[in-house]
Protein backbone atom coordinates (compact mmCIF):
# COMPACT_ATOMS: atom_id res chain seq x y z
CA MET A 1 88.12 78.18 -5.96
CA TYR A 2 85.23 77.58 -7.36
CA SER A 3 83.12 78.72 -9.77
CA THR A 4 78.93 77.04 -9.27
CA ASN A 5 78.86 74.81 -12.03
CA HIS A 6 75.81 73.45 -13.63
CA VAL A 7 74.09 70.69 -14.93
CA LEU A 8 71.33 70.48 -17.62
CA ALA A 9 69.62 66.29 -18.11
CA GLY A 10 66.83 64.88 -19.35
CA ASN A 11 63.46 63.77 -18.20
CA PRO A 12 63.65 64.76 -14.97
CA SER A 13 60.92 63.27 -13.33
CA SER A 14 61.15 59.82 -14.37
CA CYS A 15 62.57 56.56 -14.95
CA GLU A 16 61.14 55.37 -18.18
CA TRP A 17 61.84 57.93 -21.56
CA GLY A 18 60.27 60.38 -22.55
CA ASN A 19 59.34 64.00 -21.60
CA MET A 20 62.39 65.48 -22.53
CA SER A 21 63.59 68.39 -20.10
CA TRP A 22 66.16 69.62 -18.15
CA GLY A 23 66.28 68.83 -15.00
CA HIS A 24 68.68 71.79 -13.69
CA LEU A 25 71.30 70.29 -10.45
CA VAL A 26 73.47 72.79 -8.97
CA SER A 27 77.41 72.84 -7.22
CA ARG A 28 80.70 73.99 -5.84
CA ASP A 29 83.13 71.79 -5.36
CA LEU A 30 81.82 68.82 -8.55
CA LEU A 31 81.54 65.94 -6.40
CA THR A 32 78.24 67.22 -4.70
CA TRP A 33 75.65 68.54 -6.22
CA THR A 34 72.20 70.17 -5.47
CA PRO A 35 68.73 70.25 -7.63
CA ALA A 36 68.47 74.05 -8.48
CA PRO A 37 65.72 76.92 -6.34
CA VAL A 38 64.02 75.77 -10.83
CA SER A 39 63.73 72.58 -12.57
CA PRO A 40 63.05 71.16 -14.12
CA VAL A 41 64.05 74.83 -16.34
CA LEU A 42 63.54 73.97 -20.07
CA VAL A 43 60.88 71.81 -20.94
CA PRO A 44 58.66 71.24 -24.14
CA ASP A 45 56.24 74.15 -24.89
CA GLN A 46 56.77 74.90 -27.87
CA ILE A 47 55.49 74.42 -31.17
CA TYR A 48 59.08 73.68 -32.31
CA ASP A 49 60.56 72.02 -29.48
CA SER A 50 56.70 70.39 -29.05
CA GLU A 51 58.45 66.36 -29.04
CA GLY A 52 61.34 67.80 -27.42
CA VAL A 53 63.59 69.74 -25.30
CA PHE A 54 66.25 67.07 -26.07
CA THR A 55 70.86 67.57 -25.64
CA GLY A 56 72.42 70.31 -26.47
CA CYS A 57 75.45 72.70 -24.73
CA TRP A 58 76.86 75.65 -22.46
CA VAL A 59 77.63 77.99 -25.64
CA PRO A 60 80.41 80.40 -24.59
CA ALA A 61 80.69 84.05 -23.77
CA THR A 62 81.67 86.39 -25.75
CA ASN A 63 83.38 89.22 -23.85
CA ALA A 64 84.59 88.76 -20.26
CA ASN A 65 81.97 91.81 -19.10
CA ASP A 66 78.77 89.17 -20.49
CA ARG A 67 77.66 88.05 -16.88
CA THR A 68 74.10 85.83 -19.41
CA LEU A 69 74.55 81.95 -19.48
CA ARG A 70 73.13 80.75 -22.64
CA VAL A 71 72.66 77.48 -24.11
CA ALA A 72 71.99 75.44 -28.33
CA TYR A 73 70.11 72.57 -27.44
CA SER A 74 67.96 70.16 -29.95
CA SER A 75 64.42 71.38 -30.35
CA VAL A 76 62.12 68.26 -31.59
CA LYS A 77 58.73 68.40 -32.47
CA HIS A 78 58.18 65.14 -34.46
CA LEU A 79 58.99 61.94 -33.09
CA PRO A 80 59.32 58.83 -33.86
CA PHE A 81 62.94 59.86 -35.87
CA HIS A 82 66.25 57.47 -36.22
CA TRP A 83 69.08 56.30 -38.54
CA SER A 84 67.83 52.60 -38.39
CA THR A 85 64.08 53.16 -40.47
CA PRO A 86 64.68 55.53 -42.87
CA PRO A 87 63.79 58.16 -44.23
CA TYR A 88 64.76 61.12 -41.81
CA PRO A 89 61.37 63.23 -41.22
CA ARG A 90 62.16 66.14 -42.91
CA HIS A 91 63.59 68.67 -39.73
CA ALA A 92 62.16 66.80 -37.77
CA ALA A 93 64.65 68.05 -35.18
CA GLY A 94 66.20 71.51 -34.80
CA LEU A 95 68.82 74.03 -32.83
CA ALA A 96 67.21 76.80 -30.58
CA LEU A 97 68.73 78.51 -27.58
CA ALA A 98 67.77 79.83 -23.90
CA THR A 99 69.16 83.17 -21.56
CA SER A 100 69.41 83.39 -18.56
CA ARG A 101 70.59 86.42 -16.26
CA ASP A 102 69.78 85.65 -12.69
CA GLY A 103 72.64 82.75 -12.73
CA GLY A 104 70.81 80.12 -14.03
CA ILE A 105 67.64 80.21 -12.02
CA THR A 106 65.68 80.39 -14.57
CA TRP A 107 65.75 80.71 -18.56
CA GLU A 108 63.92 82.57 -21.59
CA LYS A 109 63.97 80.42 -24.66
CA SER A 110 64.87 83.18 -27.66
CA PRO A 111 62.36 84.81 -29.93
CA ARG A 112 64.01 84.07 -32.78
CA ASN A 113 63.50 80.13 -32.27
CA PRO A 114 63.68 77.92 -34.16
CA ILE A 115 67.28 79.38 -34.83
CA LEU A 116 67.06 76.35 -37.22
CA PRO A 117 64.52 74.48 -38.06
CA GLY A 118 65.68 71.62 -39.23
CA GLU A 119 68.92 70.08 -41.47
CA PRO A 120 70.25 71.81 -44.50
CA ASP A 121 68.29 71.41 -47.00
CA SER A 122 69.87 69.63 -49.50
CA LEU A 123 71.18 66.93 -47.61
CA ASN A 124 69.15 64.02 -47.11
CA ILE A 125 70.50 62.76 -43.42
CA THR A 126 70.71 59.98 -40.65
CA GLY A 127 70.28 62.36 -38.14
CA PHE A 128 71.09 66.75 -36.67
CA ARG A 129 70.56 66.72 -33.19
CA ASP A 130 72.83 67.69 -29.43
CA PRO A 131 75.06 71.01 -30.73
CA TYR A 132 78.47 72.03 -29.81
CA VAL A 133 79.44 75.56 -29.64
CA THR A 134 83.47 75.78 -30.22
CA ALA A 135 86.04 78.59 -30.17
CA PRO A 136 87.88 80.24 -32.59
CA LEU A 137 89.69 77.69 -34.80
CA SER A 138 93.02 78.04 -35.31
CA ILE A 139 93.77 77.40 -38.77
CA HIS A 140 93.91 78.78 -42.59
CA HIS A 141 91.05 80.99 -44.45
CA SER A 142 89.76 80.37 -41.28
CA ASP A 143 87.66 83.45 -39.03
CA PRO A 144 89.24 84.16 -36.06
CA ALA A 145 85.54 86.22 -35.42
CA LYS A 146 84.13 83.48 -35.79
CA LEU A 147 82.32 80.97 -33.36
CA TYR A 148 81.93 77.27 -34.99
CA GLY A 149 78.85 75.06 -33.96
CA LEU A 150 78.77 71.72 -34.42
CA ILE A 151 74.95 69.23 -35.37
CA SER A 152 75.36 65.80 -34.95
CA GLY A 153 74.06 62.99 -37.43
CA GLY A 154 74.78 61.55 -40.68
CA ILE A 155 74.41 61.22 -44.21
CA GLN A 156 71.93 58.38 -45.55
CA ASP A 157 73.73 56.00 -47.94
CA LEU A 158 77.50 57.98 -47.55
CA GLY A 159 78.22 58.06 -43.57
CA PRO A 160 78.05 59.60 -39.84
CA THR A 161 79.18 63.02 -39.71
CA THR A 162 79.06 66.62 -38.39
CA PHE A 163 78.30 69.29 -40.44
CA LEU A 164 79.24 72.34 -39.44
CA TYR A 165 78.31 75.83 -38.79
CA GLU A 166 79.30 79.28 -38.28
CA ILE A 167 78.17 81.75 -35.70
CA SER A 168 78.96 85.01 -35.99
CA GLN A 169 80.26 86.83 -32.04
CA GLU A 170 77.85 89.28 -32.12
CA ASN A 171 74.66 88.10 -32.70
CA LEU A 172 74.86 84.16 -31.80
CA GLU A 173 71.76 83.90 -32.80
CA ASP A 174 72.75 84.16 -36.69
CA TRP A 175 74.39 80.51 -37.57
CA LYS A 176 75.93 79.49 -41.20
CA TYR A 177 76.21 75.99 -41.80
CA LEU A 178 79.37 75.64 -44.14
CA ASN A 179 79.49 71.23 -44.37
CA PRO A 180 80.02 68.13 -43.70
CA LEU A 181 83.05 68.20 -41.32
CA VAL A 182 84.14 64.44 -41.02
CA ASP A 183 83.54 62.15 -44.28
CA VAL A 184 84.33 58.89 -43.31
CA PRO A 185 82.69 56.18 -44.37
CA LEU A 186 79.73 53.74 -43.42
CA ARG A 187 81.21 51.40 -39.85
CA TYR A 188 84.23 52.67 -40.80
CA GLN A 189 86.58 50.10 -38.30
CA PRO A 190 90.20 50.93 -39.10
CA SER A 191 91.46 47.88 -36.24
CA ASP A 192 89.05 45.25 -35.15
CA THR A 193 90.33 45.62 -31.52
CA TRP A 194 91.63 49.47 -31.43
CA SER A 195 89.95 51.64 -32.84
CA GLY A 196 85.88 51.13 -32.23
CA ASN A 197 83.25 51.20 -35.19
CA TYR A 198 82.45 54.83 -36.31
CA GLY A 199 78.95 53.92 -37.01
CA ILE A 200 76.45 54.76 -39.75
CA ASN A 201 75.20 58.15 -37.23
CA TRP A 202 77.05 60.58 -34.82
CA GLU A 203 76.12 62.22 -31.49
CA CYS A 204 76.59 64.82 -29.38
CA THR A 205 80.08 65.67 -31.14
CA ASN A 206 82.35 67.84 -29.51
CA LEU A 207 85.38 69.31 -31.15
CA VAL A 208 88.38 69.98 -28.57
CA THR A 209 92.06 71.18 -28.76
CA LEU A 210 93.76 69.52 -25.90
CA CYS A 211 98.31 70.21 -25.24
CA ALA A 212 101.13 68.39 -23.48
CA GLY A 213 103.76 71.92 -23.51
CA ASP A 214 104.56 72.74 -26.54
CA VAL A 215 102.59 70.30 -29.08
CA SER A 216 98.48 69.83 -29.43
CA ARG A 217 96.16 67.76 -31.05
CA HIS A 218 92.29 68.04 -32.16
CA PHE A 219 90.35 66.48 -31.31
CA LEU A 220 86.68 65.14 -31.46
CA ILE A 221 84.91 63.08 -29.14
CA ILE A 222 82.08 60.70 -30.50
CA GLY A 223 78.77 58.94 -29.61
CA ALA A 224 79.15 56.62 -32.26
CA GLU A 225 75.04 54.72 -33.55
CA GLY A 226 74.48 51.88 -35.40
CA ASP A 227 77.94 50.21 -35.11
CA VAL A 228 78.75 46.51 -35.18
CA GLU A 229 78.44 44.93 -31.84
CA LYS A 230 81.06 44.09 -29.62
CA GLU A 231 81.52 40.12 -29.88
CA HIS A 232 81.72 39.36 -25.89
CA VAL A 233 78.94 41.51 -25.74
CA LYS A 234 76.78 39.19 -28.91
CA LYS A 235 78.06 35.99 -26.65
CA ASP A 236 76.57 37.39 -23.70
CA ASN A 237 72.92 36.10 -23.71
CA GLY A 238 72.34 39.05 -20.75
CA PRO A 239 69.04 39.19 -17.79
CA PRO A 240 66.37 37.01 -18.60
CA GLY A 241 63.20 39.25 -19.98
CA VAL A 242 65.94 42.30 -20.85
CA PRO A 243 65.94 43.05 -24.33
CA SER A 244 69.30 43.49 -25.66
CA ARG A 245 71.92 46.69 -25.49
CA THR A 246 71.02 49.32 -27.82
CA ILE A 247 74.89 48.76 -30.02
CA ARG A 248 76.21 52.03 -29.44
CA THR A 249 79.63 53.15 -28.71
CA GLN A 250 81.78 56.08 -26.98
CA LEU A 251 84.62 56.52 -29.39
CA TRP A 252 87.49 59.73 -29.84
CA MET A 253 89.42 60.58 -33.20
CA SER A 254 92.25 63.10 -33.29
CA GLY A 255 93.95 64.27 -36.40
CA HIS A 256 94.15 67.20 -38.87
CA LEU A 257 91.46 70.55 -38.79
CA THR A 258 92.57 71.24 -42.97
CA THR A 259 91.54 73.55 -45.43
CA ASN A 260 91.58 73.76 -49.09
CA ASP A 261 91.71 77.01 -52.13
CA GLU A 262 87.97 77.39 -51.24
CA GLY A 263 88.15 77.67 -47.25
CA ILE A 264 86.07 74.18 -46.21
CA ILE A 265 87.06 73.61 -43.30
CA LYS A 266 87.84 69.77 -43.08
CA PHE A 267 88.95 66.86 -40.05
CA ARG A 268 90.75 64.32 -41.37
CA TYR A 269 90.89 61.36 -39.32
CA GLU A 270 94.25 59.78 -38.34
CA HIS A 271 94.31 58.01 -35.11
CA GLY A 272 91.33 57.28 -32.79
CA GLY A 273 90.20 54.55 -30.42
CA PHE A 274 87.64 54.01 -26.96
CA LEU A 275 86.97 56.57 -24.65
CA ASP A 276 85.28 54.06 -22.81
CA ASN A 277 85.04 50.31 -22.86
CA GLY A 278 81.08 49.74 -21.63
CA PRO A 279 78.00 50.91 -22.64
CA TYR A 280 78.97 54.85 -20.91
CA TYR A 281 77.63 57.33 -24.11
CA ALA A 282 76.69 60.36 -24.59
CA ALA A 283 80.49 62.31 -23.69
CA ASN A 284 79.87 65.79 -23.73
CA SER A 285 83.39 68.29 -22.01
CA PHE A 286 83.62 71.38 -21.68
CA TRP A 287 86.42 74.00 -20.61
CA ASP A 288 87.36 74.27 -16.70
CA PRO A 289 88.83 77.96 -17.06
CA ILE A 290 89.98 77.49 -13.01
CA GLY A 291 91.27 74.04 -13.01
CA ASN A 292 93.10 74.83 -16.94
CA ARG A 293 91.77 71.87 -17.60
CA ARG A 294 89.25 70.14 -20.18
CA ILE A 295 86.54 67.88 -18.27
CA VAL A 296 83.69 65.05 -19.89
CA HIS A 297 80.18 64.31 -18.42
CA GLY A 298 78.93 60.90 -19.76
CA TRP A 299 75.94 58.78 -19.27
CA ILE A 300 75.21 55.63 -17.94
CA PRO A 301 72.24 53.74 -19.29
CA GLU A 302 70.99 50.82 -17.15
CA GLU A 303 69.84 48.77 -20.34
CA ASP A 304 70.64 45.02 -18.75
CA ILE A 305 67.08 45.61 -15.49
CA THR A 306 63.75 45.69 -16.19
CA ALA A 307 61.32 48.52 -16.40
CA ASP A 308 59.60 47.18 -13.47
CA ALA A 309 63.16 46.90 -11.62
CA ALA A 310 64.37 50.39 -12.67
CA LYS A 311 60.70 52.09 -10.90
CA ALA A 312 61.41 50.22 -7.89
CA LYS A 313 64.22 51.83 -8.21
CA GLY A 314 63.73 54.92 -8.10
CA TRP A 315 65.94 55.61 -11.51
CA ASN A 316 67.42 54.76 -14.65
CA GLY A 317 71.20 55.55 -16.18
CA SER A 318 73.60 57.90 -13.75
CA LEU A 319 76.27 60.73 -15.00
CA ALA A 320 79.67 58.73 -15.02
CA ILE A 321 82.79 60.11 -12.26
CA LEU A 322 83.90 63.58 -13.69
CA ARG A 323 86.31 63.13 -16.30
CA GLU A 324 89.27 64.80 -16.98
CA VAL A 325 90.46 64.42 -20.42
CA PHE A 326 93.89 65.89 -22.39
CA LEU A 327 97.05 64.81 -23.94
CA LEU A 328 99.02 61.99 -23.48
CA ARG A 329 102.79 62.17 -24.19
CA ILE A 330 104.18 58.72 -22.89
CA PRO A 331 108.49 58.90 -24.12
CA ASN A 332 111.14 56.37 -24.47
CA ILE A 333 108.52 53.77 -25.95
CA LYS A 334 110.16 50.16 -26.90
CA GLY A 335 107.01 47.60 -27.50
CA THR A 336 104.03 46.35 -26.59
CA CYS A 337 102.96 42.64 -24.95
CA ARG A 338 101.91 41.30 -27.82
CA SER A 339 101.00 44.17 -30.31
CA GLU A 340 103.35 46.06 -32.70
CA LEU A 341 103.20 49.93 -32.41
CA SER A 342 101.94 50.46 -35.04
CA GLU A 343 98.58 47.88 -34.91
CA ILE A 344 97.42 49.94 -31.88
CA TYR A 345 95.42 53.44 -33.31
CA PRO A 346 94.84 54.87 -30.51
CA PHE A 347 99.13 55.36 -30.16
CA GLU A 348 100.37 58.32 -32.44
CA GLN A 349 104.12 57.77 -33.25
CA LEU A 350 107.23 60.06 -32.66
CA ALA A 351 110.25 59.58 -33.06
CA GLU A 352 113.00 62.31 -31.59
CA PRO A 353 115.73 63.20 -32.46
CA ASP A 354 117.59 60.48 -29.99
CA GLY A 355 115.86 57.88 -31.82
CA SER A 356 113.32 57.43 -29.29
CA THR A 357 110.02 57.03 -30.17
CA THR A 358 107.06 58.56 -28.00
CA VAL A 359 103.30 58.23 -28.45
CA LEU A 360 100.95 60.01 -28.00
CA THR A 361 97.28 59.29 -26.85
CA LEU A 362 93.94 60.70 -25.92
CA GLY A 363 94.40 60.75 -21.62
CA VAL A 364 91.40 60.43 -19.09
CA ARG A 365 91.54 60.15 -15.91
CA PRO A 366 89.01 61.23 -13.05
CA ILE A 367 88.67 64.43 -11.53
CA ARG A 368 91.24 64.92 -9.37
CA GLU A 369 88.50 66.41 -6.89
CA MET A 370 87.84 62.21 -6.05
CA ALA A 371 91.01 61.94 -4.14
CA ARG A 372 89.01 64.43 -1.27
CA LEU A 373 86.11 61.59 -0.57
CA ARG A 374 88.20 59.39 0.64
CA GLU A 375 88.80 61.67 4.07
CA THR A 376 85.01 60.74 4.75
CA SER A 377 85.75 57.15 4.18
CA ALA A 378 84.67 55.38 7.10
CA ARG A 379 87.40 52.68 6.54
CA ILE A 380 91.27 52.28 5.16
CA THR A 381 92.20 48.11 3.92
CA GLU A 382 95.79 48.41 2.99
CA LEU A 383 98.16 45.85 2.12
CA GLU A 384 100.92 45.49 4.51
CA SER A 385 103.74 44.46 2.19
CA THR A 386 103.81 43.15 -1.45
CA VAL A 387 101.74 40.31 -2.46
CA MET A 388 103.08 38.26 -5.09
CA LEU A 389 100.75 35.61 -7.39
CA PRO A 390 100.61 32.91 -7.93
CA GLY A 391 101.63 31.76 -4.50
CA PRO A 392 104.40 28.46 -5.11
CA ASP A 393 101.82 26.45 -2.54
CA THR A 394 99.62 26.75 -6.53
CA ALA A 395 97.16 29.90 -4.39
CA ALA A 396 95.93 32.13 -7.31
CA SER A 397 94.30 35.15 -5.16
CA ARG A 398 95.06 36.79 -2.01
CA THR A 399 91.23 38.62 -0.21
CA ILE A 400 92.77 41.76 0.24
CA ALA A 401 89.56 43.49 1.87
CA ARG A 402 85.39 42.85 2.41
CA THR A 403 83.60 46.14 1.85
CA GLN A 404 80.63 46.79 4.42
CA SER A 405 79.38 49.68 2.02
CA PRO A 406 78.47 49.94 -1.60
CA SER A 407 80.49 52.45 -2.36
CA TRP A 408 84.09 52.88 -2.51
CA GLU A 409 87.69 53.04 -3.54
CA LEU A 410 90.77 50.97 -4.37
CA GLU A 411 94.12 52.46 -6.14
CA ALA A 412 96.77 49.89 -6.44
CA GLU A 413 100.27 49.23 -8.05
CA ILE A 414 100.71 45.63 -10.28
CA ALA A 415 104.33 44.65 -11.27
CA VAL A 416 103.04 42.07 -14.45
CA HIS A 417 106.69 39.93 -14.48
CA PRO A 418 106.53 38.21 -18.28
CA GLY A 419 105.30 34.64 -17.52
CA CYS A 420 101.65 36.30 -15.75
CA GLN A 421 98.84 34.67 -18.15
CA SER A 422 96.10 36.89 -16.01
CA VAL A 423 96.18 39.84 -12.89
CA GLY A 424 93.08 41.98 -11.35
CA PHE A 425 90.71 41.54 -9.37
CA HIS A 426 87.43 39.81 -8.18
CA LEU A 427 84.90 42.19 -6.79
CA ARG A 428 81.49 43.17 -4.75
CA HIS A 429 81.66 38.87 -4.15
CA SER A 430 80.48 36.45 -1.54
CA ASN A 431 82.70 35.17 1.37
CA ASP A 432 83.22 31.88 -0.71
CA LEU A 433 83.03 33.31 -4.08
CA SER A 434 80.08 31.21 -4.75
CA ILE A 435 78.03 34.30 -5.85
CA LEU A 436 79.42 35.84 -9.56
CA ASN A 437 77.45 38.18 -11.25
CA LYS A 438 79.38 38.75 -14.67
CA CYS A 439 79.55 40.91 -16.77
CA PRO A 440 79.93 41.28 -20.10
CA ASP A 441 81.66 44.05 -21.15
CA ALA A 442 85.39 44.19 -21.63
CA GLY A 443 88.22 47.04 -23.48
CA PRO A 444 91.67 46.44 -24.85
CA PHE A 445 94.52 47.78 -23.21
CA THR A 446 98.40 47.17 -23.07
CA LEU A 447 101.41 47.37 -20.80
CA LEU A 448 104.24 49.44 -22.38
CA ALA A 449 108.05 48.28 -22.24
CA LEU A 450 109.73 51.25 -21.82
CA THR A 451 113.98 53.00 -22.62
CA ARG A 452 116.18 53.92 -19.35
CA PRO A 453 118.34 56.69 -21.37
CA ASP A 454 119.87 56.72 -17.45
CA ALA A 455 120.26 53.43 -17.92
CA GLY A 456 121.79 52.57 -20.75
CA ASP A 457 118.58 51.73 -23.10
CA GLU A 458 117.58 49.17 -20.03
CA VAL A 459 114.48 47.68 -21.25
CA ILE A 460 111.74 48.41 -18.26
CA TRP A 461 107.45 47.98 -17.58
CA GLU A 462 105.78 50.31 -16.90
CA LYS A 463 103.63 48.90 -14.16
CA LEU A 464 99.78 48.60 -13.82
CA ARG A 465 98.13 51.56 -12.67
CA ILE A 466 94.37 50.60 -11.37
CA ARG A 467 91.84 52.79 -9.44
CA ILE A 468 88.67 52.03 -9.13
CA PHE A 469 84.93 53.44 -8.23
CA SER A 470 82.56 51.93 -6.20
CA ASP A 471 78.80 53.68 -5.62
CA GLY A 472 75.79 51.52 -5.85
CA ASP A 473 75.46 49.56 -8.98
CA ILE A 474 77.82 51.50 -10.29
CA LEU A 475 81.11 49.95 -11.05
CA GLU A 476 83.98 52.94 -12.52
CA ILE A 477 87.69 51.23 -13.45
CA PHE A 478 90.43 53.42 -14.95
CA ALA A 479 93.80 52.24 -15.56
CA ASN A 480 97.63 54.58 -16.28
CA ASP A 481 96.21 57.76 -17.57
CA ARG A 482 94.50 56.36 -20.94
CA PHE A 483 91.56 53.40 -19.84
CA ALA A 484 88.33 53.83 -18.91
CA PHE A 485 85.14 51.64 -18.56
CA ALA A 486 81.92 52.47 -17.03
CA THR A 487 79.50 49.71 -16.74
CA MET A 488 76.82 48.30 -14.19
CA VAL A 489 77.01 46.30 -11.32
CA TYR A 490 73.42 44.52 -8.99
CA SER A 491 73.69 43.37 -6.14
CA GLU A 492 71.10 42.49 -3.80
CA ASN A 493 71.35 43.34 -0.09
CA TYR A 494 75.29 44.88 -0.01
CA GLY A 495 76.79 43.69 2.28
CA PRO A 496 79.82 42.99 5.15
CA ASP A 497 79.50 38.89 2.62
CA MET A 498 78.83 40.57 -0.75
CA GLY A 499 82.05 42.63 0.01
CA GLY A 500 84.82 40.82 -0.81
CA ILE A 501 87.75 42.46 -2.96
CA THR A 502 90.00 39.61 -3.95
CA ALA A 503 93.74 40.13 -6.10
CA PHE A 504 94.20 37.44 -8.55
CA ALA A 505 96.85 36.22 -11.19
CA THR A 506 97.44 33.50 -13.36
CA GLY A 507 100.57 31.80 -14.97
CA GLU A 508 104.08 31.42 -13.53
CA ILE A 509 104.58 31.30 -9.24
CA ASN A 510 105.29 34.75 -8.47
CA SER A 511 104.86 36.56 -12.02
CA ALA A 512 102.51 39.55 -10.25
CA SER A 513 103.87 41.24 -7.78
CA PHE A 514 100.69 43.39 -5.85
CA GLU A 515 103.74 46.41 -4.22
CA THR A 516 100.25 48.70 -3.35
CA VAL A 517 96.83 47.98 -3.07
CA LYS A 518 94.76 50.06 -0.78
CA VAL A 519 89.99 50.40 -0.12
CA TRP A 520 88.80 53.13 0.70
CA ASP A 521 85.40 51.69 2.15
CA GLY A 522 82.02 54.30 3.69
CA LEU A 523 82.59 57.24 1.46
CA ASP A 524 80.24 59.65 1.73
CA VAL A 525 79.14 60.86 -1.49
CA LYS A 526 76.24 63.10 -1.49
CA TYR A 527 73.50 64.29 -3.40
CA ILE A 528 71.09 66.89 -1.03
CA MET A 529 67.84 66.75 -1.95
CA ARG A 530 66.29 70.89 -1.87
CA GLU A 531 62.94 71.03 0.38
CA THR A 532 60.59 71.96 -0.83
């Protein structure tokens, strides 16, 4: 059973930045997307949004019988503005609302717009946009009759934050400013390896509560601008004729929501990490009541090609695979490959009554519907038996498949033994591995040592579980339900001679066991164009 799902995204008429309007796509299965009968549905046609209808969010209904759809969006009336070119123009971006009473086909802007003309007058900001509306907060002093709104940005010379508003459930156009929700310094980076840099200005912050059994944690999903570029990206010169990538990162943090005696609500950082380790950005989430899960949309920008190349292709940037984020609980932790557990900032450690250690962290994985695409595949390749690498004959690799389509999925389970130095797959390569596309993207990950209470606390290593999706130029990689990586890989004339998938390992002989590898080639990925 599915409801109708809506995606509204900017500038549907060009692959260049500008004309910030909301195109509209709908889906009933989260796999096949169709343009809505009317698109774009929101355009910059008012004084308060004359420079663009920027990012926004769904506004949840406060009455179960209310079939009206509502969105909030950033209404921009002045450009340019950017955190790096202060001062920020006063009231350049505000808040507006729009409603639909015909299931999202047509939308009407509120006659009370702008609901907010801009940022609070008392603040000197670096940004103010990307509203997000959350349910009532279950904390002391918060009002259960209120919704809460976030608008992302930062305070000049102090740090990035998200601005907290109280919203009346009786009147969703009544937004009352409370305070900055988060207090972190400029370019806050708890760990050089694990946490990411929280930058100078935030975009698209989402406040969500995730549960695992009777345990719950609060999370902020954050687009961080103005952080420090990753070292492996700085060392790469990039393609000729292409400017450097925009410095930004998709992060998360977990922590406690607190209130003081005056009722001021704050989010206190405790743990954090990368939601995605590539250029993936501007993540926005929604609660799926049918699947009882939190789903995240994200954008994969294309900054490694020229504008002419994007025009020739016909688009620039894509929405990534829909992902489920959840509270991941890993029991019986003994240690990691190299780092101390205390050094891994995405991990919250819990001491259990039996003396064991449990880790909590943000889990991320493709939505389960993605597995249905396997049913449409044209070819399936599967290992008949375990492949041990490197082999005794010094062979460090084994070709697994030669895909004929740019749309495929790989799933693998690998046992990594002591003495293994590196393990993985060469993807989308030529027959002789002579043509290489090098990508400057990487991210931190470690396997965990686990104890087996049913076997005298024997220590075992978790296996490396990988899912990889290829769709045209897009490549998305997931590992062990806690690592995600989306990027672009450009191949000319993709075909059987450029579709190689090869397993590799280095280190001691037989130190990596490729126990299962399966490739579904020729997935039927659908985007249905509406006839005009």
